Amino acid sequence: MAKPVVKPASSSPGWTFEEFRELVGKLRVVSDILARELASHSGSKKAEKLSRECHDLSVAIVGFWGQAA
């Protein structure tokens, strides 16, 4: 799986709905992987990395909604 590209909310004008959908899909995949990792290796470096990735994707999604306001 390719690494998700997360655009900062402040510099992402003109996002399309398709880009938004892609971000949501990536967040879902990464969060599923994170849940499995936490179930077996709580506190691992991989879990920490996945958690940061989920956070970054969430911030990008919130930025998408913020530009519509």
PDB file of N, CA and C in Angstrom:
ATOM      1  N   MET A   1       0.849  -1.181   0.000  1.00  0.00           N
ATOM      2  CA  MET A   1       0.000   0.000   0.000  1.00  0.00           C
ATOM      3  C   MET A   1       0.889   1.238   0.000  1.00  0.00           C
ATOM      4  N   ALA A   2       0.599   2.159  -0.867  1.00  0.00           N
ATOM      5  CA  ALA A   2       1.357   3.402  -0.960  1.00  0.00           C
ATOM      6  C   ALA A   2       1.052   4.282   0.242  1.00  0.00           C
ATOM      7  N   LYS A   3       2.047   5.062   0.638  1.00  0.00           N
ATOM      8  CA  LYS A   3       1.845   5.981   1.754  1.00  0.00           C
ATOM      9  C   LYS A   3       0.876   7.077   1.351  1.00  0.00           C
ATOM     10  N   PRO A   4      -0.078   7.416   2.221  1.00  0.00           N
ATOM     11  CA  PRO A   4      -1.002   8.498   1.898  1.00  0.00           C
ATOM     12  C   PRO A   4      -0.275   9.837   1.861  1.00  0.00           C
ATOM     13  N   VAL A   5      -0.681  10.657   0.939  1.00  0.00           N
ATOM     14  CA  VAL A   5      -0.139  12.006   0.855  1.00  0.00           C
ATOM     15  C   VAL A   5      -1.132  12.918   1.552  1.00  0.00           C
ATOM     16  N   VAL A   6      -0.679  13.570   2.590  1.00  0.00           N
ATOM     17  CA  VAL A   6      -1.556  14.433   3.365  1.00  0.00           C
ATOM     18  C   VAL A   6      -1.187  15.877   3.089  1.00  0.00           C
ATOM     19  N   LYS A   7      -2.161  16.613   2.585  1.00  0.00           N
ATOM     20  CA  LYS A   7      -1.952  18.031   2.311  1.00  0.00           C
ATOM     21  C   LYS A   7      -2.348  18.810   3.562  1.00  0.00           C
ATOM     22  N   PRO A   8      -1.539  19.774   3.984  1.00  0.00           N
ATOM     23  CA  PRO A   8      -1.943  20.591   5.121  1.00  0.00           C
ATOM     24  C   PRO A   8      -3.214  21.368   4.785  1.00  0.00           C
ATOM     25  N   ALA A   9      -4.080  21.511   5.762  1.00  0.00           N
ATOM     26  CA  ALA A   9      -5.358  22.181   5.529  1.00  0.00           C
ATOM     27  C   ALA A   9      -5.165  23.615   5.051  1.00  0.00           C
ATOM     28  N   SER A  10      -4.130  24.274   5.534  1.00  0.00           N
ATOM     29  CA  SER A  10      -3.940  25.679   5.185  1.00  0.00           C
ATOM     30  C   SER A  10      -3.560  25.888   3.720  1.00  0.00           C
ATOM     31  N   SER A  11      -3.031  24.848   3.070  1.00  0.00           N
ATOM     32  CA  SER A  11      -2.615  25.036   1.678  1.00  0.00           C
ATOM     33  C   SER A  11      -3.325  24.071   0.730  1.00  0.00           C
ATOM     34  N   SER A  12      -4.575  23.744   1.045  1.00  0.00           N
ATOM     35  CA  SER A  12      -5.275  22.765   0.220  1.00  0.00           C
ATOM     36  C   SER A  12      -6.564  23.297  -0.399  1.00  0.00           C
ATOM     37  N   PRO A  13      -6.552  24.500  -0.964  1.00  0.00           N
ATOM     38  CA  PRO A  13      -7.787  24.999  -1.569  1.00  0.00           C
ATOM     39  C   PRO A  13      -8.161  24.189  -2.807  1.00  0.00           C
ATOM     40  N   GLY A  14      -9.438  24.071  -3.033  1.00  0.00           N
ATOM     41  CA  GLY A  14      -9.893  23.427  -4.248  1.00  0.00           C
ATOM     42  C   GLY A  14      -9.880  21.914  -4.239  1.00  0.00           C
ATOM     43  N   TRP A  15      -9.917  21.310  -3.071  1.00  0.00           N
ATOM     44  CA  TRP A  15      -9.979  19.849  -3.020  1.00  0.00           C
ATOM     45  C   TRP A  15     -11.269  19.377  -3.664  1.00  0.00           C
ATOM     46  N   THR A  16     -11.211  18.224  -4.280  1.00  0.00           N
ATOM     47  CA  THR A  16     -12.411  17.637  -4.871  1.00  0.00           C
ATOM     48  C   THR A  16     -13.009  16.630  -3.901  1.00  0.00           C
ATOM     49  N   PHE A  17     -14.263  16.289  -4.147  1.00  0.00           N
ATOM     50  CA  PHE A  17     -14.911  15.284  -3.313  1.00  0.00           C
ATOM     51  C   PHE A  17     -14.191  13.947  -3.438  1.00  0.00           C
ATOM     52  N   GLU A  18     -13.678  13.653  -4.615  1.00  0.00           N
ATOM     53  CA  GLU A  18     -12.952  12.388  -4.828  1.00  0.00           C
ATOM     54  C   GLU A  18     -11.701  12.328  -3.953  1.00  0.00           C
ATOM     55  N   GLU A  19     -10.984  13.447  -3.838  1.00  0.00           N
ATOM     56  CA  GLU A  19      -9.808  13.492  -2.957  1.00  0.00           C
ATOM     57  C   GLU A  19     -10.219  13.281  -1.503  1.00  0.00           C
ATOM     58  N   PHE A  20     -11.344  13.873  -1.123  1.00  0.00           N
ATOM     59  CA  PHE A  20     -11.867  13.695   0.230  1.00  0.00           C
ATOM     60  C   PHE A  20     -12.199  12.230   0.485  1.00  0.00           C
ATOM     61  N   ARG A  21     -12.888  11.618  -0.466  1.00  0.00           N
ATOM     62  CA  ARG A  21     -13.249  10.203  -0.332  1.00  0.00           C
ATOM     63  C   ARG A  21     -12.013   9.328  -0.187  1.00  0.00           C
ATOM     64  N   GLU A  22     -10.986   9.644  -0.951  1.00  0.00           N
ATOM     65  CA  GLU A  22      -9.738   8.885  -0.887  1.00  0.00           C
ATOM     66  C   GLU A  22      -9.100   9.010   0.502  1.00  0.00           C
ATOM     67  N   LEU A  23      -9.104  10.220   1.050  1.00  0.00           N
ATOM     68  CA  LEU A  23      -8.554  10.421   2.394  1.00  0.00           C
ATOM     69  C   LEU A  23      -9.316   9.617   3.437  1.00  0.00           C
ATOM     70  N   VAL A  24     -10.638   9.639   3.355  1.00  0.00           N
ATOM     71  CA  VAL A  24     -11.453   8.892   4.308  1.00  0.00           C
ATOM     72  C   VAL A  24     -11.159   7.396   4.192  1.00  0.00           C
ATOM     73  N   GLY A  25     -11.031   6.905   2.973  1.00  0.00           N
ATOM     74  CA  GLY A  25     -10.705   5.493   2.769  1.00  0.00           C
ATOM     75  C   GLY A  25      -9.352   5.132   3.353  1.00  0.00           C
ATOM     76  N   LYS A  26      -8.360   6.000   3.150  1.00  0.00           N
ATOM     77  CA  LYS A  26      -7.028   5.752   3.701  1.00  0.00           C
ATOM     78  C   LYS A  26      -7.067   5.768   5.222  1.00  0.00           C
ATOM     79  N   LEU A  27      -7.825   6.698   5.795  1.00  0.00           N
ATOM     80  CA  LEU A  27      -7.944   6.762   7.250  1.00  0.00           C
ATOM     81  C   LEU A  27      -8.548   5.468   7.784  1.00  0.00           C
ATOM     82  N   ARG A  28      -9.543   4.974   7.113  1.00  0.00           N
ATOM     83  CA  ARG A  28     -10.185   3.727   7.540  1.00  0.00           C
ATOM     84  C   ARG A  28      -9.197   2.562   7.517  1.00  0.00           C
ATOM     85  N   VAL A  29      -8.430   2.448   6.450  1.00  0.00           N
ATOM     86  CA  VAL A  29      -7.452   1.365   6.324  1.00  0.00           C
ATOM     87  C   VAL A  29      -6.387   1.477   7.414  1.00  0.00           C
ATOM     88  N   VAL A  30      -5.837   2.676   7.576  1.00  0.00           N
ATOM     89  CA  VAL A  30      -4.776   2.867   8.563  1.00  0.00           C
ATOM     90  C   VAL A  30      -5.303   2.630   9.973  1.00  0.00           C
ATOM     91  N   SER A  31      -6.509   3.089  10.267  1.00  0.00           N
ATOM     92  CA  SER A  31      -7.053   2.886  11.610  1.00  0.00           C
ATOM     93  C   SER A  31      -7.345   1.416  11.880  1.00  0.00           C
ATOM     94  N   ASP A  32      -7.750   0.659  10.867  1.00  0.00           N
ATOM     95  CA  ASP A  32      -7.939  -0.788  11.038  1.00  0.00           C
ATOM     96  C   ASP A  32      -6.613  -1.471  11.353  1.00  0.00           C
ATOM     97  N   ILE A  33      -5.559  -1.095  10.636  1.00  0.00           N
ATOM     98  CA  ILE A  33      -4.230  -1.659  10.892  1.00  0.00           C
ATOM     99  C   ILE A  33      -3.771  -1.278  12.301  1.00  0.00           C
ATOM    100  N   LEU A  34      -4.004  -0.026  12.687  1.00  0.00           N
ATOM    101  CA  LEU A  34      -3.626   0.439  14.017  1.00  0.00           C
ATOM    102  C   LEU A  34      -4.349  -0.363  15.095  1.00  0.00           C
ATOM    103  N   ALA A  35      -5.636  -0.601  14.914  1.00  0.00           N
ATOM    104  CA  ALA A  35      -6.396  -1.365  15.903  1.00  0.00           C
ATOM    105  C   ALA A  35      -5.813  -2.765  16.082  1.00  0.00           C
ATOM    106  N   ARG A  36      -5.458  -3.406  14.978  1.00  0.00           N
ATOM    107  CA  ARG A  36      -4.851  -4.744  15.071  1.00  0.00           C
ATOM    108  C   ARG A  36      -3.500  -4.683  15.770  1.00  0.00           C
ATOM    109  N   GLU A  37      -2.713  -3.673  15.450  1.00  0.00           N
ATOM    110  CA  GLU A  37      -1.389  -3.522  16.067  1.00  0.00           C
ATOM    111  C   GLU A  37      -1.520  -3.271  17.568  1.00  0.00           C
ATOM    112  N   LEU A  38      -2.458  -2.427  17.957  1.00  0.00           N
ATOM    113  CA  LEU A  38      -2.650  -2.132  19.374  1.00  0.00           C
ATOM    114  C   LEU A  38      -3.151  -3.347  20.143  1.00  0.00           C
ATOM    115  N   ALA A  39      -3.932  -4.192  19.480  1.00  0.00           N
ATOM    116  CA  ALA A  39      -4.451  -5.389  20.139  1.00  0.00           C
ATOM    117  C   ALA A  39      -3.329  -6.350  20.524  1.00  0.00           C
ATOM    118  N   SER A  40      -2.255  -6.349  19.750  1.00  0.00           N
ATOM    119  CA  SER A  40      -1.185  -7.309  20.026  1.00  0.00           C
ATOM    120  C   SER A  40       0.114  -6.672  20.522  1.00  0.00           C
ATOM    121  N   HIS A  41       0.345  -5.411  20.226  1.00  0.00           N
ATOM    122  CA  HIS A  41       1.619  -4.772  20.577  1.00  0.00           C
ATOM    123  C   HIS A  41       1.392  -3.337  21.057  1.00  0.00           C
ATOM    124  N   SER A  42       0.606  -3.160  22.081  1.00  0.00           N
ATOM    125  CA  SER A  42       0.316  -1.815  22.574  1.00  0.00           C
ATOM    126  C   SER A  42       1.613  -1.076  22.916  1.00  0.00           C
ATOM    127  N   GLY A  43       1.724   0.145  22.442  1.00  0.00           N
ATOM    128  CA  GLY A  43       2.896   0.966  22.724  1.00  0.00           C
ATOM    129  C   GLY A  43       4.079   0.749  21.803  1.00  0.00           C
ATOM    130  N   SER A  44       3.921  -0.076  20.781  1.00  0.00           N
ATOM    131  CA  SER A  44       5.032  -0.333  19.863  1.00  0.00           C
ATOM    132  C   SER A  44       5.303   0.888  18.984  1.00  0.00           C
ATOM    133  N   LYS A  45       6.484   0.921  18.401  1.00  0.00           N
ATOM    134  CA  LYS A  45       6.839   2.018  17.488  1.00  0.00           C
ATOM    135  C   LYS A  45       5.897   2.044  16.286  1.00  0.00           C
ATOM    136  N   LYS A  46       5.528   0.862  15.796  1.00  0.00           N
ATOM    137  CA  LYS A  46       4.621   0.795  14.652  1.00  0.00           C
ATOM    138  C   LYS A  46       3.262   1.388  15.026  1.00  0.00           C
ATOM    139  N   ALA A  47       2.777   1.066  16.232  1.00  0.00           N
ATOM    140  CA  ALA A  47       1.493   1.612  16.682  1.00  0.00           C
ATOM    141  C   ALA A  47       1.566   3.131  16.797  1.00  0.00           C
ATOM    142  N   GLU A  48       2.678   3.640  17.320  1.00  0.00           N
ATOM    143  CA  GLU A  48       2.846   5.090  17.432  1.00  0.00           C
ATOM    144  C   GLU A  48       2.838   5.748  16.053  1.00  0.00           C
ATOM    145  N   LYS A  49       3.540   5.138  15.101  1.00  0.00           N
ATOM    146  CA  LYS A  49       3.597   5.673  13.730  1.00  0.00           C
ATOM    147  C   LYS A  49       2.204   5.670  13.101  1.00  0.00           C
ATOM    148  N   LEU A  50       1.474   4.568  13.267  1.00  0.00           N
ATOM    149  CA  LEU A  50       0.127   4.471  12.704  1.00  0.00           C
ATOM    150  C   LEU A  50      -0.806   5.485  13.355  1.00  0.00           C
ATOM    151  N   SER A  51      -0.646   5.689  14.646  1.00  0.00           N
ATOM    152  CA  SER A  51      -1.472   6.667  15.348  1.00  0.00           C
ATOM    153  C   SER A  51      -1.230   8.074  14.805  1.00  0.00           C
ATOM    154  N   ARG A  52       0.037   8.429  14.582  1.00  0.00           N
ATOM    155  CA  ARG A  52       0.354   9.745  14.000  1.00  0.00           C
ATOM    156  C   ARG A  52      -0.229   9.869  12.596  1.00  0.00           C
ATOM    157  N   GLU A  53      -0.149   8.787  11.824  1.00  0.00           N
ATOM    158  CA  GLU A  53      -0.691   8.811  10.465  1.00  0.00           C
ATOM    159  C   GLU A  53      -2.209   9.019  10.496  1.00  0.00           C
ATOM    160  N   CYS A  54      -2.897   8.345  11.429  1.00  0.00           N
ATOM    161  CA  CYS A  54      -4.347   8.539  11.581  1.00  0.00           C
ATOM    162  C   CYS A  54      -4.647   9.993  11.938  1.00  0.00           C
ATOM    163  N   HIS A  55      -3.855  10.547  12.837  1.00  0.00           N
ATOM    164  CA  HIS A  55      -4.049  11.941  13.229  1.00  0.00           C
ATOM    165  C   HIS A  55      -3.879  12.875  12.036  1.00  0.00           C
ATOM    166  N   ASP A  56      -2.816  12.672  11.267  1.00  0.00           N
ATOM    167  CA  ASP A  56      -2.562  13.527  10.102  1.00  0.00           C
ATOM    168  C   ASP A  56      -3.694  13.443   9.081  1.00  0.00           C
ATOM    169  N   LEU A  57      -4.186  12.238   8.845  1.00  0.00           N
ATOM    170  CA  LEU A  57      -5.305  12.067   7.911  1.00  0.00           C
ATOM    171  C   LEU A  57      -6.559  12.750   8.447  1.00  0.00           C
ATOM    172  N   SER A  58      -6.800  12.623   9.749  1.00  0.00           N
ATOM    173  CA  SER A  58      -7.966  13.267  10.359  1.00  0.00           C
ATOM    174  C   SER A  58      -7.889  14.784  10.222  1.00  0.00           C
ATOM    175  N   VAL A  59      -6.703  15.339  10.449  1.00  0.00           N
ATOM    176  CA  VAL A  59      -6.509  16.789  10.315  1.00  0.00           C
ATOM    177  C   VAL A  59      -6.780  17.222   8.875  1.00  0.00           C
ATOM    178  N   ALA A  60      -6.317  16.442   7.915  1.00  0.00           N
ATOM    179  CA  ALA A  60      -6.550  16.772   6.509  1.00  0.00           C
ATOM    180  C   ALA A  60      -8.041  16.737   6.179  1.00  0.00           C
ATOM    181  N   ILE A  61      -8.753  15.772   6.735  1.00  0.00           N
ATOM    182  CA  ILE A  61     -10.199  15.662   6.497  1.00  0.00           C
ATOM    183  C   ILE A  61     -10.920  16.862   7.098  1.00  0.00           C
ATOM    184  N   VAL A  62     -10.554  17.230   8.320  1.00  0.00           N
ATOM    185  CA  VAL A  62     -11.164  18.407   8.953  1.00  0.00           C
ATOM    186  C   VAL A  62     -10.859  19.660   8.130  1.00  0.00           C
ATOM    187  N   GLY A  63      -9.647  19.750   7.595  1.00  0.00           N
ATOM    188  CA  GLY A  63      -9.288  20.881   6.738  1.00  0.00           C
ATOM    189  C   GLY A  63     -10.156  20.954   5.499  1.00  0.00           C
ATOM    190  N   PHE A  64     -10.480  19.790   4.934  1.00  0.00           N
ATOM    191  CA  PHE A  64     -11.351  19.745   3.767  1.00  0.00           C
ATOM    192  C   PHE A  64     -12.709  20.346   4.113  1.00  0.00           C
ATOM    193  N   TRP A  65     -13.280  19.927   5.238  1.00  0.00           N
ATOM    194  CA  TRP A  65     -14.584  20.457   5.628  1.00  0.00           C
ATOM    195  C   TRP A  65     -14.496  21.937   5.966  1.00  0.00           C
ATOM    196  N   GLY A  66     -13.362  22.356   6.548  1.00  0.00           N
ATOM    197  CA  GLY A  66     -13.188  23.757   6.921  1.00  0.00           C
ATOM    198  C   GLY A  66     -13.163  24.701   5.734  1.00  0.00           C
ATOM    199  N   GLN A  67     -12.686  24.229   4.588  1.00  0.00           N
ATOM    200  CA  GLN A  67     -12.614  25.116   3.427  1.00  0.00           C
ATOM    201  C   GLN A  67     -13.990  25.374   2.827  1.00  0.00           C
ATOM    202  N   ALA A  68     -14.971  24.548   3.171  1.00  0.00           N
ATOM    203  CA  ALA A  68     -16.332  24.757   2.662  1.00  0.00           C
ATOM    204  C   ALA A  68     -17.060  25.833   3.468  1.00  0.00           C
ATOM    205  N   ALA A  69     -16.554  26.125   4.659  1.00  0.00           N
ATOM    206  CA  ALA A  69     -17.227  27.087   5.544  1.00  0.00           C
ATOM    207  C   ALA A  69     -16.970  28.514   5.127  1.00  0.00           C
TER     208      ALA A  69
END
